[in-house]
N, C-alpha and C. Protein backbone atom coordinates (compact mmCIF):
# COMPACT_ATOMS: atom_id res chain seq x y z
N MET A 1 0.78 -1.26 -0.15
CA MET A 1 -0.05 -0.03 -0.02
C MET A 1 0.92 1.54 0.18
N LEU A 2 1.78 1.44 0.98
CA LEU A 2 2.69 2.57 0.58
C LEU A 2 3.33 3.10 -0.41
N ILE A 3 3.73 1.42 -1.27
CA ILE A 3 4.69 1.73 -2.70
C ILE A 3 3.61 2.28 -3.43
N VAL A 4 2.35 1.64 -3.20
CA VAL A 4 1.14 2.49 -4.07
C VAL A 4 0.98 4.06 -4.27
N THR A 5 0.91 4.16 -2.61
CA THR A 5 1.06 5.40 -2.55
C THR A 5 2.11 6.46 -3.25
N VAL A 6 2.89 5.69 -2.78
CA VAL A 6 4.11 6.79 -3.08
C VAL A 6 4.15 7.03 -4.48
N ALA A 7 4.44 5.92 -5.52
CA ALA A 7 4.23 5.86 -6.93
C ALA A 7 2.62 6.90 -7.16
N ILE A 8 2.04 6.95 -6.87
CA ILE A 8 0.90 7.87 -7.13
C ILE A 8 1.28 9.52 -6.87
N SER A 9 2.04 9.62 -5.70
CA SER A 9 2.05 10.86 -5.26
C SER A 9 3.14 11.27 -6.49
N PHE A 10 4.42 10.52 -6.83
CA PHE A 10 5.44 10.77 -7.61
C PHE A 10 5.09 11.03 -9.22
N LEU A 11 3.86 10.48 -9.12
CA LEU A 11 3.53 10.45 -10.67
C LEU A 11 2.33 11.87 -10.63
N SER A 12 2.01 12.00 -9.50
CA SER A 12 1.03 13.62 -9.75
C SER A 12 2.10 14.76 -9.53
N GLN A 13 3.10 14.48 -9.21
CA GLN A 13 4.33 16.02 -9.18
C GLN A 13 4.77 15.68 -10.57
N LEU A 14 5.34 14.58 -11.27
CA LEU A 14 5.28 14.68 -12.62
C LEU A 14 4.47 15.59 -13.53
N GLY A 15 3.06 14.88 -13.04
CA GLY A 15 2.10 15.72 -14.15
C GLY A 15 2.72 17.20 -13.80
N LEU A 16 2.47 17.60 -12.78
CA LEU A 16 2.34 18.76 -12.18
C LEU A 16 3.37 19.77 -12.80
N ILE A 17 4.68 19.21 -13.38
CA ILE A 17 5.81 19.61 -13.72
C ILE A 17 5.94 19.59 -15.31
N TYR A 18 5.09 18.31 -15.75
CA TYR A 18 5.91 18.05 -17.36
C TYR A 18 4.64 18.54 -18.32
N ILE A 19 3.23 18.37 -17.67
CA ILE A 19 2.39 18.37 -18.71
C ILE A 19 1.71 19.87 -18.61
N PRO A 20 1.68 20.15 -20.11
CA PRO A 20 1.80 21.75 -20.50
C PRO A 20 0.58 22.11 -19.47
N PHE A 21 -0.54 22.10 -19.96
CA PHE A 21 -2.12 22.46 -19.22
C PHE A 21 -1.68 22.10 -17.83
N MET A 22 -1.19 21.37 -17.23
CA MET A 22 -0.57 21.42 -15.64
C MET A 22 0.12 22.88 -15.08
N GLN A 23 1.09 22.55 -16.28
CA GLN A 23 1.99 23.64 -15.98
C GLN A 23 1.25 25.43 -15.92
N THR A 24 0.67 25.73 -17.18
CA THR A 24 0.13 26.99 -16.82
C THR A 24 -1.14 26.93 -15.46
N ILE A 25 -1.84 25.44 -15.21
CA ILE A 25 -2.61 26.08 -14.52
C ILE A 25 -1.84 26.10 -12.47
N PHE A 26 -0.99 25.60 -12.41
CA PHE A 26 0.08 25.56 -10.92
C PHE A 26 1.09 26.31 -11.40
N GLN A 27 1.14 27.03 -12.32
CA GLN A 27 2.66 28.15 -12.28
C GLN A 27 4.17 27.35 -12.48
N THR A 28 3.98 26.09 -13.25
CA THR A 28 5.27 25.54 -12.76
C THR A 28 5.93 25.37 -14.27
N GLY A 29 7.21 24.32 -14.12
CA GLY A 29 8.33 24.97 -15.25
C GLY A 29 9.11 23.71 -14.66
N ALA A 30 9.77 23.15 -15.99
CA ALA A 30 10.62 21.61 -15.94
C ALA A 30 12.01 22.46 -15.36
N LEU A 31 12.82 21.77 -14.90
CA LEU A 31 14.38 22.28 -14.88
C LEU A 31 14.99 21.98 -16.32
N PRO A 32 15.62 22.95 -16.43
CA PRO A 32 16.87 22.52 -17.47
C PRO A 32 17.79 21.26 -17.65
N LEU A 33 18.24 20.55 -18.44
CA LEU A 33 18.75 19.34 -18.10
C LEU A 33 20.54 19.34 -17.27
N ASP A 34 20.92 21.13 -17.57
CA ASP A 34 22.13 21.10 -16.91
C ASP A 34 21.84 21.23 -14.91
N ASP A 35 20.94 21.65 -15.00
CA ASP A 35 20.28 22.08 -13.59
C ASP A 35 20.14 20.51 -12.75
N LEU A 36 19.51 19.74 -13.64
CA LEU A 36 19.17 18.39 -13.03
C LEU A 36 20.07 17.41 -13.01
N LEU A 37 21.15 17.48 -13.65
CA LEU A 37 22.83 16.80 -14.03
C LEU A 37 23.17 17.40 -12.49
N LEU A 38 23.15 19.03 -12.57
CA LEU A 38 23.69 19.29 -10.96
C LEU A 38 23.22 18.82 -9.74
N LEU A 39 22.33 19.00 -9.80
CA LEU A 39 21.10 18.28 -8.64
C LEU A 39 21.61 17.10 -8.26
N PHE A 40 21.35 15.87 -9.40
CA PHE A 40 21.78 14.56 -9.10
C PHE A 40 23.05 14.27 -8.34
N ALA A 41 24.06 15.20 -9.15
CA ALA A 41 25.58 15.25 -8.81
C ALA A 41 25.58 15.64 -6.96
N LEU A 42 25.02 16.51 -6.63
CA LEU A 42 24.86 16.72 -5.38
C LEU A 42 24.44 15.92 -4.35
N ALA A 43 23.21 15.04 -5.20
CA ALA A 43 22.66 14.11 -4.10
C ALA A 43 22.92 12.87 -4.43
N GLY A 44 23.57 12.47 -4.71
CA GLY A 44 24.56 11.52 -5.01
C GLY A 44 26.41 11.43 -4.63
N SER A 45 26.53 12.61 -4.47
CA SER A 45 27.65 12.95 -3.53
C SER A 45 27.38 12.64 -1.81
N SER A 46 26.35 13.56 -1.52
CA SER A 46 25.56 13.78 -0.09
C SER A 46 25.82 11.78 -0.21
N PHE A 47 24.73 11.28 -0.63
CA PHE A 47 24.62 9.91 -0.31
C PHE A 47 25.80 9.18 -0.12
N ALA A 48 26.59 9.23 -1.34
CA ALA A 48 27.85 8.58 -1.14
C ALA A 48 28.81 8.67 0.52
N LEU A 49 28.82 10.05 0.48
CA LEU A 49 29.71 10.41 1.56
C LEU A 49 28.72 10.10 2.95
N HIS A 50 27.46 9.97 2.86
CA HIS A 50 26.68 9.58 4.46
C HIS A 50 27.10 7.77 4.12
N GLU A 51 26.62 7.21 3.42
CA GLU A 51 27.08 5.68 3.26
C GLU A 51 28.23 4.92 3.41
N GLY A 52 29.82 5.99 3.54
CA GLY A 52 30.68 5.81 3.74
C GLY A 52 30.96 5.88 4.89
N ARG A 53 30.26 7.12 5.81
CA ARG A 53 30.55 7.14 7.27
C ARG A 53 29.93 6.23 7.88
N ARG A 54 28.70 5.87 7.30
CA ARG A 54 27.92 4.41 8.14
C ARG A 54 28.72 3.30 8.15
N ARG A 55 29.83 3.01 6.83
CA ARG A 55 29.91 1.94 6.87
C ARG A 55 31.25 1.68 7.96
N TYR A 56 32.07 3.55 7.83
CA TYR A 56 33.04 3.18 8.98
C TYR A 56 32.69 3.45 10.37
N GLU A 57 31.90 3.77 10.73
CA GLU A 57 31.03 3.55 12.31
C GLU A 57 30.86 2.46 12.24
N ARG A 58 30.32 1.51 11.37
CA ARG A 58 29.87 0.05 11.65
C ARG A 58 31.16 -0.75 12.25
N ALA A 59 32.08 -0.27 11.32
CA ALA A 59 33.50 -1.09 10.92
C ALA A 59 34.49 -1.00 12.64
N LEU A 60 34.13 0.18 12.72
CA LEU A 60 34.85 0.88 14.26
C LEU A 60 33.89 0.34 15.54
N ASN A 61 32.59 0.26 15.26
CA ASN A 61 32.22 -0.44 16.38
C ASN A 61 32.54 -2.14 16.59
N GLN A 62 32.36 -2.52 15.40
CA GLN A 62 32.99 -4.04 15.27
C GLN A 62 33.83 -4.32 15.88
N SER A 63 35.06 -3.79 15.49
CA SER A 63 36.18 -3.67 15.84
C SER A 63 36.62 -3.54 17.71
N GLU A 64 35.89 -2.64 17.82
CA GLU A 64 35.81 -2.40 19.22
C GLU A 64 35.07 -3.63 20.10
N THR A 65 33.78 -4.01 19.57
CA THR A 65 33.27 -5.16 19.70
C THR A 65 34.17 -6.56 20.01
N TYR A 66 34.51 -6.76 19.12
CA TYR A 66 35.71 -7.82 18.78
C TYR A 66 36.74 -7.90 20.22
N ALA A 67 37.42 -6.62 20.15
CA ALA A 67 38.56 -6.00 21.01
C ALA A 67 38.01 -6.58 22.53
N LEU A 68 36.93 -6.29 22.60
CA LEU A 68 36.30 -6.87 24.31
C LEU A 68 36.85 -8.41 24.41
N GLY A 69 36.58 -8.77 23.48
CA GLY A 69 36.43 -10.49 23.36
C GLY A 69 35.27 -10.92 24.57
N ASP A 70 34.53 -10.40 25.31
CA ASP A 70 33.42 -10.98 25.80
C ASP A 70 31.80 -10.33 24.91
N GLY A 71 32.20 -10.08 24.03
CA GLY A 71 30.86 -9.41 23.48
C GLY A 71 30.05 -8.45 23.86
N GLY A 72 30.98 -7.50 24.67
CA GLY A 72 30.36 -6.26 25.37
C GLY A 72 29.98 -6.24 26.55
N ILE A 73 30.20 -7.67 27.34
CA ILE A 73 29.24 -8.05 28.71
C ILE A 73 30.14 -7.46 29.84
N GLY A 74 31.38 -7.06 29.48
CA GLY A 74 32.31 -6.73 30.35
C GLY A 74 31.89 -4.89 30.79
N ILE A 75 31.67 -4.25 29.64
CA ILE A 75 31.01 -3.30 29.77
C ILE A 75 29.97 -2.89 30.65
N ILE A 76 28.75 -3.47 30.13
CA ILE A 76 27.71 -4.04 31.04
C ILE A 76 28.16 -4.23 32.55
N LYS A 77 28.67 -5.15 33.15
CA LYS A 77 29.30 -5.64 34.28
C LYS A 77 29.84 -4.04 35.27
N ILE A 78 30.83 -3.23 34.30
CA ILE A 78 31.42 -2.08 34.80
C ILE A 78 30.59 -0.98 35.46
N LEU A 79 29.33 -1.10 34.58
CA LEU A 79 28.39 -0.06 34.41
C LEU A 79 26.93 -0.22 35.82
N LEU A 80 27.15 -1.61 35.57
CA LEU A 80 26.23 -2.08 36.84
C LEU A 80 26.88 -1.93 38.30
N ASN A 81 28.33 -2.14 38.00
CA ASN A 81 29.08 -1.82 39.58
C ASN A 81 29.25 -0.59 40.09
């Protein structure tokens, strides 16, 4: 159901932007190709940097867990005492 709702919303937005009579009603216009490419480049670089940071943090947390040797139980014992 969520996928259907998102698809309908996406298609509605495309219609508002790219169908000529909808452009006149809602006073919208399509972006030029160079602006779209810049937008996708910025979004892609942001996504790549975020995913890289997440992988680094997961690797760091995993190495800390293995360094403890007890699966983190020692930290819980220290905090409880």
